[in-house]
PDB file of N, CA and C in Angstrom:
ATOM      1  N   MET A   1     -12.091   9.079   2.980  1.00  0.00           N
ATOM      2  CA  MET A   1     -10.775   8.500   2.883  1.00  0.00           C
ATOM      3  C   MET A   1     -10.739   7.071   3.423  1.00  0.00           C
ATOM      4  N   VAL A   2     -11.508   6.797   4.487  1.00  0.00           N
ATOM      5  CA  VAL A   2     -11.535   5.436   5.032  1.00  0.00           C
ATOM      6  C   VAL A   2     -12.076   4.481   3.975  1.00  0.00           C
ATOM      7  N   LYS A   3     -13.113   4.909   3.260  1.00  0.00           N
ATOM      8  CA  LYS A   3     -13.696   4.051   2.220  1.00  0.00           C
ATOM      9  C   LYS A   3     -12.666   3.730   1.147  1.00  0.00           C
ATOM     10  N   VAL A   4     -11.904   4.724   0.744  1.00  0.00           N
ATOM     11  CA  VAL A   4     -10.870   4.521  -0.268  1.00  0.00           C
ATOM     12  C   VAL A   4      -9.811   3.555   0.250  1.00  0.00           C
ATOM     13  N   TYR A   5      -9.381   3.755   1.479  1.00  0.00           N
ATOM     14  CA  TYR A   5      -8.359   2.903   2.085  1.00  0.00           C
ATOM     15  C   TYR A   5      -8.810   1.447   2.108  1.00  0.00           C
ATOM     16  N   LEU A   6     -10.020   1.208   2.602  1.00  0.00           N
ATOM     17  CA  LEU A   6     -10.527  -0.165   2.687  1.00  0.00           C
ATOM     18  C   LEU A   6     -10.753  -0.766   1.299  1.00  0.00           C
ATOM     19  N   SER A   7     -11.242   0.039   0.372  1.00  0.00           N
ATOM     20  CA  SER A   7     -11.465  -0.439  -0.997  1.00  0.00           C
ATOM     21  C   SER A   7     -10.152  -0.819  -1.670  1.00  0.00           C
ATOM     22  N   GLN A   8      -9.117  -0.014  -1.463  1.00  0.00           N
ATOM     23  CA  GLN A   8      -7.815  -0.317  -2.060  1.00  0.00           C
ATOM     24  C   GLN A   8      -7.237  -1.615  -1.518  1.00  0.00           C
ATOM     25  N   LYS A   9      -7.627  -1.984  -0.315  1.00  0.00           N
ATOM     26  CA  LYS A   9      -7.188  -3.244   0.276  1.00  0.00           C
ATOM     27  C   LYS A   9      -8.088  -4.408  -0.152  1.00  0.00           C
ATOM     28  N   GLY A  10      -9.131  -4.100  -0.917  1.00  0.00           N
ATOM     29  CA  GLY A  10     -10.046  -5.130  -1.389  1.00  0.00           C
ATOM     30  C   GLY A  10     -10.986  -5.645  -0.311  1.00  0.00           C
ATOM     31  N   LEU A  11     -11.235  -4.833   0.709  1.00  0.00           N
ATOM     32  CA  LEU A  11     -12.082  -5.252   1.819  1.00  0.00           C
ATOM     33  C   LEU A  11     -13.507  -4.768   1.626  1.00  0.00           C
ATOM     34  N   GLU A  12     -14.437  -5.605   2.009  1.00  0.00           N
ATOM     35  CA  GLU A  12     -15.845  -5.217   1.977  1.00  0.00           C
ATOM     36  C   GLU A  12     -16.174  -4.494   3.273  1.00  0.00           C
ATOM     37  N   PHE A  13     -17.086  -3.542   3.193  1.00  0.00           N
ATOM     38  CA  PHE A  13     -17.497  -2.799   4.379  1.00  0.00           C
ATOM     39  C   PHE A  13     -18.911  -2.297   4.181  1.00  0.00           C
ATOM     40  N   THR A  14     -19.519  -1.917   5.278  1.00  0.00           N
ATOM     41  CA  THR A  14     -20.849  -1.341   5.241  1.00  0.00           C
ATOM     42  C   THR A  14     -20.750   0.110   5.675  1.00  0.00           C
ATOM     43  N   GLU A  15     -21.170   0.990   4.802  1.00  0.00           N
ATOM     44  CA  GLU A  15     -21.172   2.412   5.120  1.00  0.00           C
ATOM     45  C   GLU A  15     -22.527   2.772   5.713  1.00  0.00           C
ATOM     46  N   ARG A  16     -22.498   3.489   6.816  1.00  0.00           N
ATOM     47  CA  ARG A  16     -23.739   3.949   7.446  1.00  0.00           C
ATOM     48  C   ARG A  16     -23.665   5.466   7.553  1.00  0.00           C
ATOM     49  N   ASN A  17     -24.619   6.136   6.954  1.00  0.00           N
ATOM     50  CA  ASN A  17     -24.635   7.598   6.906  1.00  0.00           C
ATOM     51  C   ASN A  17     -25.482   8.139   8.056  1.00  0.00           C
ATOM     52  N   VAL A  18     -24.818   8.716   9.056  1.00  0.00           N
ATOM     53  CA  VAL A  18     -25.540   9.204  10.231  1.00  0.00           C
ATOM     54  C   VAL A  18     -26.394  10.429   9.920  1.00  0.00           C
ATOM     55  N   SER A  19     -26.149  11.072   8.802  1.00  0.00           N
ATOM     56  CA  SER A  19     -26.969  12.223   8.414  1.00  0.00           C
ATOM     57  C   SER A  19     -28.323  11.788   7.861  1.00  0.00           C
ATOM     58  N   LEU A  20     -28.363  10.596   7.279  1.00  0.00           N
ATOM     59  CA  LEU A  20     -29.588  10.121   6.639  1.00  0.00           C
ATOM     60  C   LEU A  20     -30.273   8.985   7.386  1.00  0.00           C
ATOM     61  N   ASP A  21     -29.550   8.304   8.270  1.00  0.00           N
ATOM     62  CA  ASP A  21     -30.056   7.108   8.932  1.00  0.00           C
ATOM     63  C   ASP A  21     -30.090   7.327  10.445  1.00  0.00           C
ATOM     64  N   GLU A  22     -31.293   7.471  10.972  1.00  0.00           N
ATOM     65  CA  GLU A  22     -31.453   7.741  12.403  1.00  0.00           C
ATOM     66  C   GLU A  22     -30.893   6.598  13.257  1.00  0.00           C
ATOM     67  N   ASN A  23     -31.073   5.355  12.810  1.00  0.00           N
ATOM     68  CA  ASN A  23     -30.544   4.220  13.560  1.00  0.00           C
ATOM     69  C   ASN A  23     -29.012   4.252  13.597  1.00  0.00           C
ATOM     70  N   ALA A  24     -28.403   4.626  12.499  1.00  0.00           N
ATOM     71  CA  ALA A  24     -26.942   4.734  12.451  1.00  0.00           C
ATOM     72  C   ALA A  24     -26.467   5.817  13.404  1.00  0.00           C
ATOM     73  N   ARG A  25     -27.188   6.924  13.439  1.00  0.00           N
ATOM     74  CA  ARG A  25     -26.828   8.011  14.357  1.00  0.00           C
ATOM     75  C   ARG A  25     -26.957   7.564  15.808  1.00  0.00           C
ATOM     76  N   ASP A  26     -28.033   6.862  16.121  1.00  0.00           N
ATOM     77  CA  ASP A  26     -28.227   6.360  17.481  1.00  0.00           C
ATOM     78  C   ASP A  26     -27.125   5.372  17.863  1.00  0.00           C
ATOM     79  N   ASP A  27     -26.743   4.521  16.918  1.00  0.00           N
ATOM     80  CA  ASP A  27     -25.662   3.559  17.180  1.00  0.00           C
ATOM     81  C   ASP A  27     -24.344   4.276  17.443  1.00  0.00           C
ATOM     82  N   LEU A  28     -24.066   5.317  16.671  1.00  0.00           N
ATOM     83  CA  LEU A  28     -22.843   6.087  16.862  1.00  0.00           C
ATOM     84  C   LEU A  28     -22.826   6.712  18.259  1.00  0.00           C
ATOM     85  N   LEU A  29     -23.945   7.304  18.657  1.00  0.00           N
ATOM     86  CA  LEU A  29     -24.036   7.927  19.969  1.00  0.00           C
ATOM     87  C   LEU A  29     -23.918   6.885  21.079  1.00  0.00           C
ATOM     88  N   SER A  30     -24.479   5.696  20.864  1.00  0.00           N
ATOM     89  CA  SER A  30     -24.394   4.658  21.894  1.00  0.00           C
ATOM     90  C   SER A  30     -22.969   4.154  22.080  1.00  0.00           C
ATOM     91  N   LEU A  31     -22.145   4.330  21.051  1.00  0.00           N
ATOM     92  CA  LEU A  31     -20.737   3.967  21.170  1.00  0.00           C
ATOM     93  C   LEU A  31     -19.945   5.053  21.903  1.00  0.00           C
ATOM     94  N   GLY A  32     -20.588   6.205  22.121  1.00  0.00           N
ATOM     95  CA  GLY A  32     -19.941   7.295  22.828  1.00  0.00           C
ATOM     96  C   GLY A  32     -19.257   8.297  21.922  1.00  0.00           C
ATOM     97  N   TYR A  33     -19.600   8.283  20.641  1.00  0.00           N
ATOM     98  CA  TYR A  33     -18.974   9.188  19.675  1.00  0.00           C
ATOM     99  C   TYR A  33     -19.989  10.160  19.114  1.00  0.00           C
ATOM    100  N   ARG A  34     -19.504  11.328  18.735  1.00  0.00           N
ATOM    101  CA  ARG A  34     -20.352  12.345  18.113  1.00  0.00           C
ATOM    102  C   ARG A  34     -19.794  12.804  16.776  1.00  0.00           C
ATOM    103  N   SER A  35     -18.608  12.322  16.419  1.00  0.00           N
ATOM    104  CA  SER A  35     -18.001  12.722  15.154  1.00  0.00           C
ATOM    105  C   SER A  35     -17.772  11.500  14.283  1.00  0.00           C
ATOM    106  N   THR A  36     -17.588  11.745  13.019  1.00  0.00           N
ATOM    107  CA  THR A  36     -17.341  10.663  12.071  1.00  0.00           C
ATOM    108  C   THR A  36     -16.071  10.966  11.301  1.00  0.00           C
ATOM    109  N   PRO A  37     -15.450   9.991  10.703  1.00  0.00           N
ATOM    110  CA  PRO A  37     -15.863   8.598  10.659  1.00  0.00           C
ATOM    111  C   PRO A  37     -15.425   7.824  11.901  1.00  0.00           C
ATOM    112  N   VAL A  38     -16.217   6.814  12.232  1.00  0.00           N
ATOM    113  CA  VAL A  38     -15.837   5.824  13.224  1.00  0.00           C
ATOM    114  C   VAL A  38     -15.906   4.488  12.506  1.00  0.00           C
ATOM    115  N   THR A  39     -14.778   3.806  12.445  1.00  0.00           N
ATOM    116  CA  THR A  39     -14.699   2.517  11.779  1.00  0.00           C
ATOM    117  C   THR A  39     -14.635   1.444  12.848  1.00  0.00           C
ATOM    118  N   VAL A  40     -15.576   0.496  12.788  1.00  0.00           N
ATOM    119  CA  VAL A  40     -15.625  -0.588  13.763  1.00  0.00           C
ATOM    120  C   VAL A  40     -15.103  -1.850  13.087  1.00  0.00           C
ATOM    121  N   ILE A  41     -14.033  -2.402  13.662  1.00  0.00           N
ATOM    122  CA  ILE A  41     -13.423  -3.631  13.158  1.00  0.00           C
ATOM    123  C   ILE A  41     -13.364  -4.586  14.336  1.00  0.00           C
ATOM    124  N   ASP A  42     -14.210  -5.612  14.286  1.00  0.00           N
ATOM    125  CA  ASP A  42     -14.396  -6.509  15.431  1.00  0.00           C
ATOM    126  C   ASP A  42     -14.754  -5.660  16.648  1.00  0.00           C
ATOM    127  N   ASP A  43     -13.953  -5.712  17.691  1.00  0.00           N
ATOM    128  CA  ASP A  43     -14.270  -4.948  18.900  1.00  0.00           C
ATOM    129  C   ASP A  43     -13.486  -3.644  18.993  1.00  0.00           C
ATOM    130  N   GLN A  44     -12.746  -3.309  17.948  1.00  0.00           N
ATOM    131  CA  GLN A  44     -11.953  -2.086  17.954  1.00  0.00           C
ATOM    132  C   GLN A  44     -12.646  -0.985  17.162  1.00  0.00           C
ATOM    133  N   LYS A  45     -12.519   0.224  17.681  1.00  0.00           N
ATOM    134  CA  LYS A  45     -13.069   1.387  16.992  1.00  0.00           C
ATOM    135  C   LYS A  45     -11.936   2.326  16.629  1.00  0.00           C
ATOM    136  N   VAL A  46     -11.943   2.788  15.390  1.00  0.00           N
ATOM    137  CA  VAL A  46     -10.946   3.745  14.912  1.00  0.00           C
ATOM    138  C   VAL A  46     -11.684   5.029  14.566  1.00  0.00           C
ATOM    139  N   VAL A  47     -11.325   6.100  15.247  1.00  0.00           N
ATOM    140  CA  VAL A  47     -11.977   7.391  15.023  1.00  0.00           C
ATOM    141  C   VAL A  47     -11.117   8.206  14.071  1.00  0.00           C
ATOM    142  N   GLY A  48     -11.757   8.748  13.042  1.00  0.00           N
ATOM    143  CA  GLY A  48     -11.042   9.541  12.055  1.00  0.00           C
ATOM    144  C   GLY A  48     -10.352   8.651  11.032  1.00  0.00           C
ATOM    145  N   TYR A  49      -9.546   9.279  10.209  1.00  0.00           N
ATOM    146  CA  TYR A  49      -8.807   8.557   9.178  1.00  0.00           C
ATOM    147  C   TYR A  49      -7.361   8.444   9.613  1.00  0.00           C
ATOM    148  N   SER A  50      -6.983   7.248  10.029  1.00  0.00           N
ATOM    149  CA  SER A  50      -5.621   6.995  10.478  1.00  0.00           C
ATOM    150  C   SER A  50      -5.179   5.632   9.938  1.00  0.00           C
ATOM    151  N   PRO A  51      -4.493   5.619   8.794  1.00  0.00           N
ATOM    152  CA  PRO A  51      -4.056   4.337   8.231  1.00  0.00           C
ATOM    153  C   PRO A  51      -3.305   3.444   9.219  1.00  0.00           C
ATOM    154  N   PRO A  52      -2.405   3.984  10.050  1.00  0.00           N
ATOM    155  CA  PRO A  52      -1.726   3.092  11.002  1.00  0.00           C
ATOM    156  C   PRO A  52      -2.696   2.432  11.997  1.00  0.00           C
ATOM    157  N   LYS A  53      -3.668   3.200  12.478  1.00  0.00           N
ATOM    158  CA  LYS A  53      -4.640   2.642  13.421  1.00  0.00           C
ATOM    159  C   LYS A  53      -5.576   1.661  12.724  1.00  0.00           C
ATOM    160  N   LEU A  54      -5.966   1.965  11.496  1.00  0.00           N
ATOM    161  CA  LEU A  54      -6.799   1.038  10.743  1.00  0.00           C
ATOM    162  C   LEU A  54      -6.056  -0.272  10.506  1.00  0.00           C
ATOM    163  N   GLU A  55      -4.799  -0.170  10.120  1.00  0.00           N
ATOM    164  CA  GLU A  55      -3.992  -1.356   9.861  1.00  0.00           C
ATOM    165  C   GLU A  55      -3.826  -2.180  11.145  1.00  0.00           C
ATOM    166  N   GLU A  56      -3.609  -1.519  12.253  1.00  0.00           N
ATOM    167  CA  GLU A  56      -3.477  -2.208  13.544  1.00  0.00           C
ATOM    168  C   GLU A  56      -4.759  -2.957  13.891  1.00  0.00           C
ATOM    169  N   ALA A  57      -5.910  -2.317  13.694  1.00  0.00           N
ATOM    170  CA  ALA A  57      -7.190  -2.951  13.974  1.00  0.00           C
ATOM    171  C   ALA A  57      -7.439  -4.127  13.039  1.00  0.00           C
ATOM    172  N   LEU A  58      -7.104  -3.972  11.779  1.00  0.00           N
ATOM    173  CA  LEU A  58      -7.263  -5.073  10.814  1.00  0.00           C
ATOM    174  C   LEU A  58      -6.394  -6.256  11.187  1.00  0.00           C
ATOM    175  N   GLN A  59      -5.151  -6.006  11.563  1.00  0.00           N
ATOM    176  CA  GLN A  59      -4.239  -7.078  11.945  1.00  0.00           C
ATOM    177  C   GLN A  59      -4.728  -7.769  13.213  1.00  0.00           C
ATOM    178  N   ALA A  60      -5.212  -7.000  14.184  1.00  0.00           N
ATOM    179  CA  ALA A  60      -5.729  -7.582  15.422  1.00  0.00           C
ATOM    180  C   ALA A  60      -6.941  -8.465  15.150  1.00  0.00           C
ATOM    181  N   ALA A  61      -7.699  -8.129  14.113  1.00  0.00           N
ATOM    182  CA  ALA A  61      -8.879  -8.911  13.743  1.00  0.00           C
ATOM    183  C   ALA A  61      -8.522 -10.083  12.829  1.00  0.00           C
ATOM    184  N   GLY A  62      -7.249 -10.174  12.461  1.00  0.00           N
ATOM    185  CA  GLY A  62      -6.823 -11.255  11.579  1.00  0.00           C
ATOM    186  C   GLY A  62      -7.215 -11.058  10.133  1.00  0.00           C
ATOM    187  N   ILE A  63      -7.364  -9.813   9.753  1.00  0.00           N
ATOM    188  CA  ILE A  63      -7.773  -9.483   8.386  1.00  0.00           C
ATOM    189  C   ILE A  63      -6.573  -8.990   7.596  1.00  0.00           C
TER     190      ILE A  63
END
Protein backbone atom coordinates (compact mmCIF):
# COMPACT_ATOMS: atom_id res chain seq x y z
CA MET A 1 0.00 0.00 0.00
CA VAL A 2 2.87 2.41 0.72
CA LYS A 3 4.19 1.82 -2.80
CA VAL A 4 0.79 2.61 -4.28
CA TYR A 5 0.45 5.74 -2.15
CA LEU A 6 3.86 7.10 -3.15
CA SER A 7 3.35 6.15 -6.81
CA GLN A 8 0.00 7.93 -6.93
CA LYS A 9 1.77 11.05 -5.69
CA GLY A 10 4.32 10.67 -8.49
CA LEU A 11 7.20 10.17 -6.06
CA GLU A 12 10.23 8.04 -6.74
CA PHE A 13 11.29 5.57 -4.07
CA THR A 14 13.58 2.65 -3.51
CA GLU A 15 12.01 -0.58 -2.38
CA ARG A 16 14.19 -2.87 -0.29
CA ASN A 17 12.96 -6.41 0.29
CA VAL A 18 14.16 -7.65 3.68
CA SER A 19 13.17 -11.20 2.77
CA LEU A 20 15.59 -11.29 -0.16
CA ASP A 21 18.26 -8.73 0.77
CA GLU A 22 20.37 -9.43 3.84
CA ASN A 23 21.76 -5.88 3.87
CA ALA A 24 18.24 -4.45 3.83
CA ARG A 25 17.30 -6.70 6.74
CA ASP A 26 20.37 -5.62 8.70
CA ASP A 27 19.56 -1.96 8.01
CA LEU A 28 15.99 -2.46 9.23
CA LEU A 29 17.23 -4.09 12.44
CA SER A 30 19.79 -1.32 12.97
CA LEU A 31 16.94 1.18 12.87
CA GLY A 32 15.35 -0.77 15.72
CA TYR A 33 12.49 -2.29 13.72
CA ARG A 34 11.50 -5.89 13.10
CA SER A 35 8.34 -5.37 11.06
CA THR A 36 7.64 -3.87 7.68
CA PRO A 37 6.92 -1.61 5.99
CA VAL A 38 9.18 1.08 7.37
CA THR A 39 9.31 4.14 5.15
CA VAL A 40 12.27 6.47 5.66
CA ILE A 41 11.75 10.06 4.53
CA ASP A 42 14.74 12.22 5.38
CA ASP A 43 15.20 11.64 9.12
CA GLN A 44 11.64 10.47 9.77
CA LYS A 45 10.51 6.88 9.86
CA VAL A 46 6.92 5.81 9.26
CA VAL A 47 6.04 2.31 10.40
CA GLY A 48 3.16 0.59 8.66
CA TYR A 49 0.77 2.15 6.19
CA SER A 50 -0.53 5.44 7.53
CA PRO A 51 -1.35 8.08 4.90
CA PRO A 52 -1.57 10.88 7.50
CA LYS A 53 1.87 10.01 8.90
CA LEU A 54 3.35 9.62 5.43
CA GLU A 55 1.93 12.99 4.41
CA GLU A 56 3.31 14.60 7.58
CA ALA A 57 6.77 13.18 6.89
CA LEU A 58 6.66 14.30 3.25
CA GLN A 59 5.63 17.82 4.25
CA ALA A 60 8.36 17.99 6.91
CA ALA A 61 10.87 16.99 4.22
CA GLY A 62 9.54 19.67 1.89
CA ILE A 63 8.25 17.15 -0.61
